[in-house]
Amino acid sequence: MYMSSESLLVIVLVGLAAGWLAGQIIQGTGFGLVGDLVIGVVGAFIGSWLLPQLGIHLGAGLVPAIVNATIGALVLLLIVRVLRVAVDGEGAGAGADARSAPSENGPTAFREERSAHSYRAQTY
């Protein structure tokens, strides 16, 4: 299959735009240049499969391609978020990390360490 450089450029631009838009909608920021591109291109594949399955046809052109890829990228990001919560466990949720878990010195050890560090930083 032959793909012209113009077609490749359109795919990259649509992927970047769709990935950036999906990042803005889902988390308020983008995912970086490569992340936006990957999310947008994979989202374009998902959108081009999913929307016709639902009987939705947006038409041809650059703007419908970006909308299609953005919808697919949103579906991709929502699936990733659901899988991440399922893997982390019910109570962990997003944002749980090792610092929020009680340590062997008790649940206040991190707070005491942080306050001691802040005090040292202020005295210098």
Foldseek 3Di string as FASTA:
>chain_A
DDDDPVNVVLLQVLQLLLQQVLCCVPPNGGDDSVRSNVLLNQLLVQLVPPQVVVVHDDDDDSVSSSVSSNVSSNVVVVVVQVVVCVVVDVPQHPPRDPLCDADPVGRCPSVVVVVVVVVVVVVD
